[in-house]
C-alpha atoms as a PDB file:
ATOM      1  CA  MET A   1     116.994  54.915 130.311  1.00  0.00           C
ATOM      2  CA  ALA A   2     117.787  57.937 132.502  1.00  0.00           C
ATOM      3  CA  GLU A   3     116.183  60.498 130.023  1.00  0.00           C
ATOM      4  CA  GLU A   4     113.174  58.282 129.597  1.00  0.00           C
ATOM      5  CA  LEU A   5     112.629  58.310 133.422  1.00  0.00           C
ATOM      6  CA  LYS A   6     112.964  61.960 133.515  1.00  0.00           C
ATOM      7  CA  GLU A   7     109.936  62.076 131.252  1.00  0.00           C
ATOM      8  CA  THR A   8     107.847  59.520 133.171  1.00  0.00           C
ATOM      9  CA  SER A   9     108.861  60.182 136.752  1.00  0.00           C
ATOM     10  CA  CYS A  10     108.385  63.037 139.136  1.00  0.00           C
ATOM     11  CA  ILE A  11     110.457  64.515 141.940  1.00  0.00           C
ATOM     12  CA  PHE A  12     108.130  65.248 144.827  1.00  0.00           C
ATOM     13  CA  LEU A  13     109.748  68.153 146.735  1.00  0.00           C
ATOM     14  CA  VAL A  14     108.703  68.535 150.350  1.00  0.00           C
ATOM     15  CA  ASP A  15     110.261  71.550 152.193  1.00  0.00           C
ATOM     16  CA  ASP A  16     108.890  74.185 154.537  1.00  0.00           C
ATOM     17  CA  GLU A  17     111.160  76.863 153.210  1.00  0.00           C
ATOM     18  CA  ALA A  18     109.797  78.620 150.107  1.00  0.00           C
ATOM     19  CA  ASP A  19     113.296  79.775 148.787  1.00  0.00           C
ATOM     20  CA  VAL A  20     114.436  76.156 148.792  1.00  0.00           C
ATOM     21  CA  ARG A  21     111.412  74.929 147.077  1.00  0.00           C
ATOM     22  CA  ILE A  22     111.543  77.811 144.341  1.00  0.00           C
ATOM     23  CA  SER A  23     115.297  77.346 143.785  1.00  0.00           C
ATOM     24  CA  LEU A  24     115.459  73.595 143.777  1.00  0.00           C
ATOM     25  CA  SER A  25     112.224  73.415 141.627  1.00  0.00           C
ATOM     26  CA  ARG A  26     113.779  75.761 138.903  1.00  0.00           C
ATOM     27  CA  ALA A  27     117.262  74.191 138.869  1.00  0.00           C
ATOM     28  CA  LEU A  28     115.807  70.813 138.530  1.00  0.00           C
ATOM     29  CA  GLY A  29     113.305  71.969 136.063  1.00  0.00           C
ATOM     30  CA  LEU A  30     116.124  73.648 133.923  1.00  0.00           C
ATOM     31  CA  ARG A  31     117.717  70.014 133.921  1.00  0.00           C
ATOM     32  CA  GLY A  32     114.488  68.503 132.341  1.00  0.00           C
ATOM     33  CA  TYR A  33     112.986  67.008 135.543  1.00  0.00           C
ATOM     34  CA  GLN A  34     109.351  67.194 136.512  1.00  0.00           C
ATOM     35  CA  VAL A  35     108.877  68.472 139.909  1.00  0.00           C
ATOM     36  CA  GLN A  36     105.876  68.820 142.327  1.00  0.00           C
ATOM     37  CA  ALA A  37     106.656  71.079 145.343  1.00  0.00           C
ATOM     38  CA  PHE A  38     104.847  71.111 148.822  1.00  0.00           C
ATOM     39  CA  ALA A  39     105.281  73.199 151.832  1.00  0.00           C
ATOM     40  CA  SER A  40     104.384  70.620 154.205  1.00  0.00           C
ATOM     41  CA  ALA A  41     104.176  66.912 154.605  1.00  0.00           C
ATOM     42  CA  GLN A  42     100.438  67.098 154.910  1.00  0.00           C
ATOM     43  CA  ASP A  43     100.106  69.044 151.608  1.00  0.00           C
ATOM     44  CA  PHE A  44     102.288  66.217 149.956  1.00  0.00           C
ATOM     45  CA  LEU A  45      99.838  63.530 151.630  1.00  0.00           C
ATOM     46  CA  ASP A  46      96.814  65.171 150.381  1.00  0.00           C
ATOM     47  CA  ALA A  47      98.033  65.188 146.785  1.00  0.00           C
ATOM     48  CA  TYR A  48     100.166  62.352 146.220  1.00  0.00           C
ATOM     49  CA  ASP A  49      99.075  59.427 144.334  1.00  0.00           C
ATOM     50  CA  GLU A  50     101.116  56.213 144.914  1.00  0.00           C
ATOM     51  CA  ASP A  51     100.590  55.118 141.363  1.00  0.00           C
ATOM     52  CA  ALA A  52     102.735  57.984 140.359  1.00  0.00           C
ATOM     53  CA  PRO A  53     106.405  56.998 139.753  1.00  0.00           C
ATOM     54  CA  GLY A  54     109.240  59.067 141.115  1.00  0.00           C
ATOM     55  CA  CYS A  55     111.065  59.933 144.187  1.00  0.00           C
ATOM     56  CA  LEU A  56     110.647  62.093 147.243  1.00  0.00           C
ATOM     57  CA  VAL A  57     113.035  64.717 148.051  1.00  0.00           C
ATOM     58  CA  LEU A  58     112.149  65.470 151.685  1.00  0.00           C
ATOM     59  CA  ASP A  59     113.309  68.105 154.166  1.00  0.00           C
ATOM     60  CA  TYR A  60     114.009  66.813 157.820  1.00  0.00           C
ATOM     61  CA  GLY A  61     113.204  69.704 159.788  1.00  0.00           C
ATOM     62  CA  MET A  62     109.524  70.782 159.289  1.00  0.00           C
ATOM     63  CA  PRO A  63     106.881  71.972 161.750  1.00  0.00           C
ATOM     64  CA  ARG A  64     103.974  69.662 162.861  1.00  0.00           C
ATOM     65  CA  MET A  65     105.043  66.464 160.732  1.00  0.00           C
ATOM     66  CA  ASP A  66     108.643  66.363 160.269  1.00  0.00           C
ATOM     67  CA  GLY A  67     110.547  64.377 157.524  1.00  0.00           C
ATOM     68  CA  LEU A  68     111.117  61.284 159.578  1.00  0.00           C
ATOM     69  CA  GLN A  69     107.535  61.170 160.811  1.00  0.00           C
ATOM     70  CA  LEU A  70     106.388  61.415 157.215  1.00  0.00           C
ATOM     71  CA  GLN A  71     108.874  58.579 156.396  1.00  0.00           C
ATOM     72  CA  GLU A  72     107.190  56.567 159.004  1.00  0.00           C
ATOM     73  CA  HIS A  73     103.817  57.456 158.118  1.00  0.00           C
ATOM     74  CA  LEU A  74     104.304  56.176 154.490  1.00  0.00           C
ATOM     75  CA  ALA A  75     106.077  53.041 155.671  1.00  0.00           C
ATOM     76  CA  GLY A  76     102.988  52.330 157.979  1.00  0.00           C
ATOM     77  CA  GLN A  77     100.532  52.778 155.107  1.00  0.00           C
ATOM     78  CA  GLY A  78     102.625  50.389 152.919  1.00  0.00           C
ATOM     79  CA  ILE A  79     103.748  53.111 150.412  1.00  0.00           C
ATOM     80  CA  ARG A  80     107.144  52.595 148.987  1.00  0.00           C
ATOM     81  CA  ILE A  81     108.771  55.667 147.322  1.00  0.00           C
ATOM     82  CA  PRO A  82     112.571  56.261 147.351  1.00  0.00           C
ATOM     83  CA  ILE A  83     113.251  59.232 149.717  1.00  0.00           C
ATOM     84  CA  ILE A  84     116.197  61.460 149.662  1.00  0.00           C
ATOM     85  CA  PHE A  85     116.632  63.491 152.910  1.00  0.00           C
ATOM     86  CA  ILE A  86     117.747  67.171 152.680  1.00  0.00           C
ATOM     87  CA  THR A  87     118.570  69.006 156.053  1.00  0.00           C
ATOM     88  CA  GLY A  88     120.067  71.880 157.655  1.00  0.00           C
ATOM     89  CA  HIS A  89     119.285  70.614 161.062  1.00  0.00           C
ATOM     90  CA  GLY A  90     119.572  66.775 161.411  1.00  0.00           C
ATOM     91  CA  GLY A  91     122.465  65.025 162.950  1.00  0.00           C
ATOM     92  CA  ILE A  92     123.977  61.540 162.870  1.00  0.00           C
ATOM     93  CA  PRO A  93     121.152  59.711 164.997  1.00  0.00           C
ATOM     94  CA  GLU A  94     118.578  61.116 162.585  1.00  0.00           C
ATOM     95  CA  SER A  95     120.454  60.103 159.296  1.00  0.00           C
ATOM     96  CA  VAL A  96     121.020  56.548 160.847  1.00  0.00           C
ATOM     97  CA  ARG A  97     117.442  56.233 161.624  1.00  0.00           C
ATOM     98  CA  ALA A  98     116.290  57.532 158.291  1.00  0.00           C
ATOM     99  CA  MET A  99     118.856  55.246 156.343  1.00  0.00           C
ATOM    100  CA  LYS A 100     117.721  52.210 158.489  1.00  0.00           C
ATOM    101  CA  MET A 101     114.116  52.823 157.490  1.00  0.00           C
ATOM    102  CA  GLY A 102     115.339  52.670 153.713  1.00  0.00           C
ATOM    103  CA  ALA A 103     115.977  56.314 152.822  1.00  0.00           C
ATOM    104  CA  MET A 104     118.311  56.614 149.723  1.00  0.00           C
ATOM    105  CA  ASP A 105     120.486  59.294 151.224  1.00  0.00           C
ATOM    106  CA  PHE A 106     120.607  62.010 153.848  1.00  0.00           C
ATOM    107  CA  LEU A 107     122.194  65.279 152.393  1.00  0.00           C
ATOM    108  CA  GLU A 108     123.051  68.292 154.550  1.00  0.00           C
ATOM    109  CA  LYS A 109     122.448  71.796 153.433  1.00  0.00           C
ATOM    110  CA  PRO A 110     124.121  73.226 151.405  1.00  0.00           C
ATOM    111  CA  PHE A 111     124.808  70.258 149.094  1.00  0.00           C
ATOM    112  CA  LYS A 112     126.093  70.235 145.538  1.00  0.00           C
ATOM    113  CA  GLN A 113     123.402  69.925 143.071  1.00  0.00           C
ATOM    114  CA  SER A 114     125.398  67.346 141.097  1.00  0.00           C
ATOM    115  CA  VAL A 115     125.207  65.061 144.238  1.00  0.00           C
ATOM    116  CA  LEU A 116     121.503  65.462 144.545  1.00  0.00           C
ATOM    117  CA  ILE A 117     120.893  64.785 141.001  1.00  0.00           C
ATOM    118  CA  GLU A 118     123.023  61.769 141.006  1.00  0.00           C
ATOM    119  CA  ARG A 119     120.988  60.372 143.873  1.00  0.00           C
ATOM    120  CA  ILE A 120     117.675  61.350 142.183  1.00  0.00           C
ATOM    121  CA  ASP A 121     118.555  59.346 139.238  1.00  0.00           C
ATOM    122  CA  ALA A 122     119.580  56.438 141.469  1.00  0.00           C
ATOM    123  CA  ALA A 123     116.159  56.855 143.157  1.00  0.00           C
ATOM    124  CA  PHE A 124     114.235  56.875 139.817  1.00  0.00           C
ATOM    125  CA  GLU A 125     116.028  53.687 138.783  1.00  0.00           C
ATOM    126  CA  GLU A 126     115.235  51.855 142.157  1.00  0.00           C
ATOM    127  CA  ASP A 127     111.579  52.952 141.751  1.00  0.00           C
ATOM    128  CA  ARG A 128     111.438  51.692 138.237  1.00  0.00           C
ATOM    129  CA  LYS A 129     112.779  48.276 139.320  1.00  0.00           C
ATOM    130  CA  TYR A 130     110.338  47.954 142.219  1.00  0.00           C
ATOM    131  CA  ARG A 131     107.424  48.954 140.056  1.00  0.00           C
ATOM    132  CA  GLU A 132     108.473  46.414 137.242  1.00  0.00           C
ATOM    133  CA  ALA A 133     108.776  43.658 140.002  1.00  0.00           C
ATOM    134  CA  ASN A 134     105.545  44.515 141.285  1.00  0.00           C
ATOM    135  CA  ARG A 135     103.889  44.423 137.812  1.00  0.00           C
ATOM    136  CA  LYS A 136     105.354  40.852 137.271  1.00  0.00           C
ATOM    137  CA  SER A 137     104.190  39.804 140.674  1.00  0.00           C
ATOM    138  CA  TRP A 138     100.603  40.921 139.864  1.00  0.00           C
ATOM    139  CA  ALA A 139     100.746  39.242 136.373  1.00  0.00           C
ATOM    140  CA  SER A 140     102.109  36.096 138.010  1.00  0.00           C
ATOM    141  CA  ARG A 141      99.162  36.070 140.516  1.00  0.00           C
ATOM    142  CA  ALA A 142      96.616  36.608 137.655  1.00  0.00           C
ATOM    143  CA  ARG A 143      98.053  33.491 135.762  1.00  0.00           C
ATOM    144  CA  PHE A 144      97.975  31.548 138.908  1.00  0.00           C
ATOM    145  CA  ASP A 145      94.231  32.472 139.612  1.00  0.00           C
ATOM    146  CA  SER A 146      93.584  30.840 136.053  1.00  0.00           C
ATOM    147  CA  LEU A 147      94.552  27.558 137.324  1.00  0.00           C
ATOM    148  CA  THR A 148      92.192  25.015 138.350  1.00  0.00           C
ATOM    149  CA  ASP A 149      91.967  23.712 141.848  1.00  0.00           C
ATOM    150  CA  ARG A 150      93.742  20.487 140.926  1.00  0.00           C
ATOM    151  CA  GLU A 151      96.461  22.504 138.893  1.00  0.00           C
ATOM    152  CA  ARG A 152      97.190  24.888 141.933  1.00  0.00           C
ATOM    153  CA  GLU A 153      97.519  21.659 144.282  1.00  0.00           C
ATOM    154  CA  ILE A 154      99.981  20.079 141.683  1.00  0.00           C
ATOM    155  CA  ALA A 155     101.644  23.488 141.289  1.00  0.00           C
ATOM    156  CA  ARG A 156     102.321  23.777 145.174  1.00  0.00           C
ATOM    157  CA  LEU A 157     103.836  20.252 145.328  1.00  0.00           C
ATOM    158  CA  MET A 158     106.043  21.022 142.366  1.00  0.00           C
ATOM    159  CA  VAL A 159     107.355  24.174 143.971  1.00  0.00           C
ATOM    160  CA  THR A 160     107.389  23.389 147.707  1.00  0.00           C
ATOM    161  CA  HIS A 161     108.805  19.727 147.412  1.00  0.00           C
ATOM    162  CA  PRO A 162     111.792  20.190 145.140  1.00  0.00           C
ATOM    163  CA  GLY A 163     113.306  16.814 146.132  1.00  0.00           C
ATOM    164  CA  SER A 164     110.219  14.747 145.330  1.00  0.00           C
ATOM    165  CA  ASN A 165     108.344  16.640 142.666  1.00  0.00           C
ATOM    166  CA  SER A 166     108.387  14.113 139.796  1.00  0.00           C
ATOM    167  CA  SER A 167     105.078  13.124 138.163  1.00  0.00           C
ATOM    168  CA  LYS A 168     105.414   9.688 139.824  1.00  0.00           C
ATOM    169  CA  ASP A 169     105.937  11.452 143.424  1.00  0.00           C
ATOM    170  CA  ILE A 170     103.192  13.675 143.019  1.00  0.00           C
ATOM    171  CA  ALA A 171     100.786  10.943 141.648  1.00  0.00           C
ATOM    172  CA  ARG A 172     101.548   8.789 144.975  1.00  0.00           C
ATOM    173  CA  ARG A 173     100.836  11.802 147.119  1.00  0.00           C
ATOM    174  CA  LEU A 174      97.465  12.644 145.222  1.00  0.00           C
ATOM    175  CA  ASP A 175      96.644   8.984 144.477  1.00  0.00           C
ATOM    176  CA  ILE A 176      96.175   9.589 140.847  1.00  0.00           C
ATOM    177  CA  SER A 177      97.997   8.411 137.756  1.00  0.00           C
ATOM    178  CA  PRO A 178     101.428   9.789 136.643  1.00  0.00           C
ATOM    179  CA  ARG A 179     100.056  10.471 133.219  1.00  0.00           C
ATOM    180  CA  THR A 180      97.509  12.568 134.506  1.00  0.00           C
ATOM    181  CA  VAL A 181      99.939  14.611 136.487  1.00  0.00           C
ATOM    182  CA  ASP A 182     102.058  14.957 133.453  1.00  0.00           C
ATOM    183  CA  HIS A 183      98.911  16.470 131.752  1.00  0.00           C
ATOM    184  CA  HIS A 184      98.594  18.845 134.542  1.00  0.00           C
ATOM    185  CA  ARG A 185     102.170  19.787 134.755  1.00  0.00           C
ATOM    186  CA  ALA A 186     102.242  20.797 131.014  1.00  0.00           C
ATOM    187  CA  ARG A 187      99.217  22.812 131.480  1.00  0.00           C
ATOM    188  CA  ILE A 188     100.646  24.531 134.435  1.00  0.00           C
ATOM    189  CA  LEU A 189     103.653  25.587 132.698  1.00  0.00           C
ATOM    190  CA  GLU A 190     101.775  26.966 129.764  1.00  0.00           C
ATOM    191  CA  LYS A 191      99.343  29.007 131.846  1.00  0.00           C
ATOM    192  CA  MET A 192     102.023  30.300 134.066  1.00  0.00           C
ATOM    193  CA  GLY A 193     103.989  31.245 130.960  1.00  0.00           C
ATOM    194  CA  VAL A 194     107.353  29.521 131.924  1.00  0.00           C
ATOM    195  CA  GLY A 195     109.135  26.748 130.359  1.00  0.00           C
ATOM    196  CA  SER A 196     110.507  24.705 133.345  1.00  0.00           C
ATOM    197  CA  VAL A 197     109.944  23.785 136.921  1.00  0.00           C
ATOM    198  CA  ALA A 198     112.971  25.981 137.972  1.00  0.00           C
ATOM    199  CA  GLU A 199     111.173  28.938 136.243  1.00  0.00           C
ATOM    200  CA  LEU A 200     107.935  28.084 138.019  1.00  0.00           C
ATOM    201  CA  VAL A 201     109.682  28.165 141.233  1.00  0.00           C
ATOM    202  CA  ASP A 202     111.280  31.461 140.733  1.00  0.00           C
ATOM    203  CA  THR A 203     108.226  33.089 139.399  1.00  0.00           C
ATOM    204  CA  THR A 204     105.876  31.829 142.090  1.00  0.00           C
ATOM    205  CA  VAL A 205     108.213  32.510 145.173  1.00  0.00           C
ATOM    206  CA  LYS A 206     108.987  36.092 143.745  1.00  0.00           C
ATOM    207  CA  ALA A 207     105.234  36.487 143.599  1.00  0.00           C
ATOM    208  CA  GLY A 208     104.826  35.238 147.149  1.00  0.00           C
ATOM    209  CA  LEU A 209     102.493  32.449 146.047  1.00  0.00           C
ATOM    210  CA  PHE A 210     104.373  29.991 148.088  1.00  0.00           C
ATOM    211  CA  SER A 211     107.048  29.818 150.699  1.00  0.00           C
ATOM    212  CA  GLU A 212     110.564  29.473 149.236  1.00  0.00           C
ATOM    213  CA  PRO A 213     111.605  25.848 148.985  1.00  0.00           C
END
């Protein structure tokens, strides 16, 4: 999996020091990683496509927009990308703030390349898991959209009323026959691609379709 992620993911390196960009890009490239290097946070923002998998290796101390400001900007835009900070200037307060905002790590220069590579591989895996969960969520939403209004109503009752979601319970709530509910339940499970009510609950909750029961 690690080798596959190397081929499909990119390291976005943002550092205002040219020698750092050149040396790190060369070293990581020799190890088979794809690297895009940027001299400033704005250069990165101008070029970045959030659909591109990968991670951000980010210098903390940069002019104009520093690393923490870029992290805050990305979070404010709803852009989720694993971030590894590298710095020769940051201290404990900065590292704590970065980690609280979700940074993978905060490495002080000079650092061992082996440590950075270990964190990059972990960031690639985190990004892969997030994107896979996101794809599943969108697929679940698309399947939910294929339900009729009545099926959505029954699905909601099945998920949000776990203690009273039998066909008889739902039939009483909606003033319809249990047999009709049975028919709708079967169609709901089929359309949602699940085999049980428990799977339906798990799928819909993860996709944010209903509040967790």
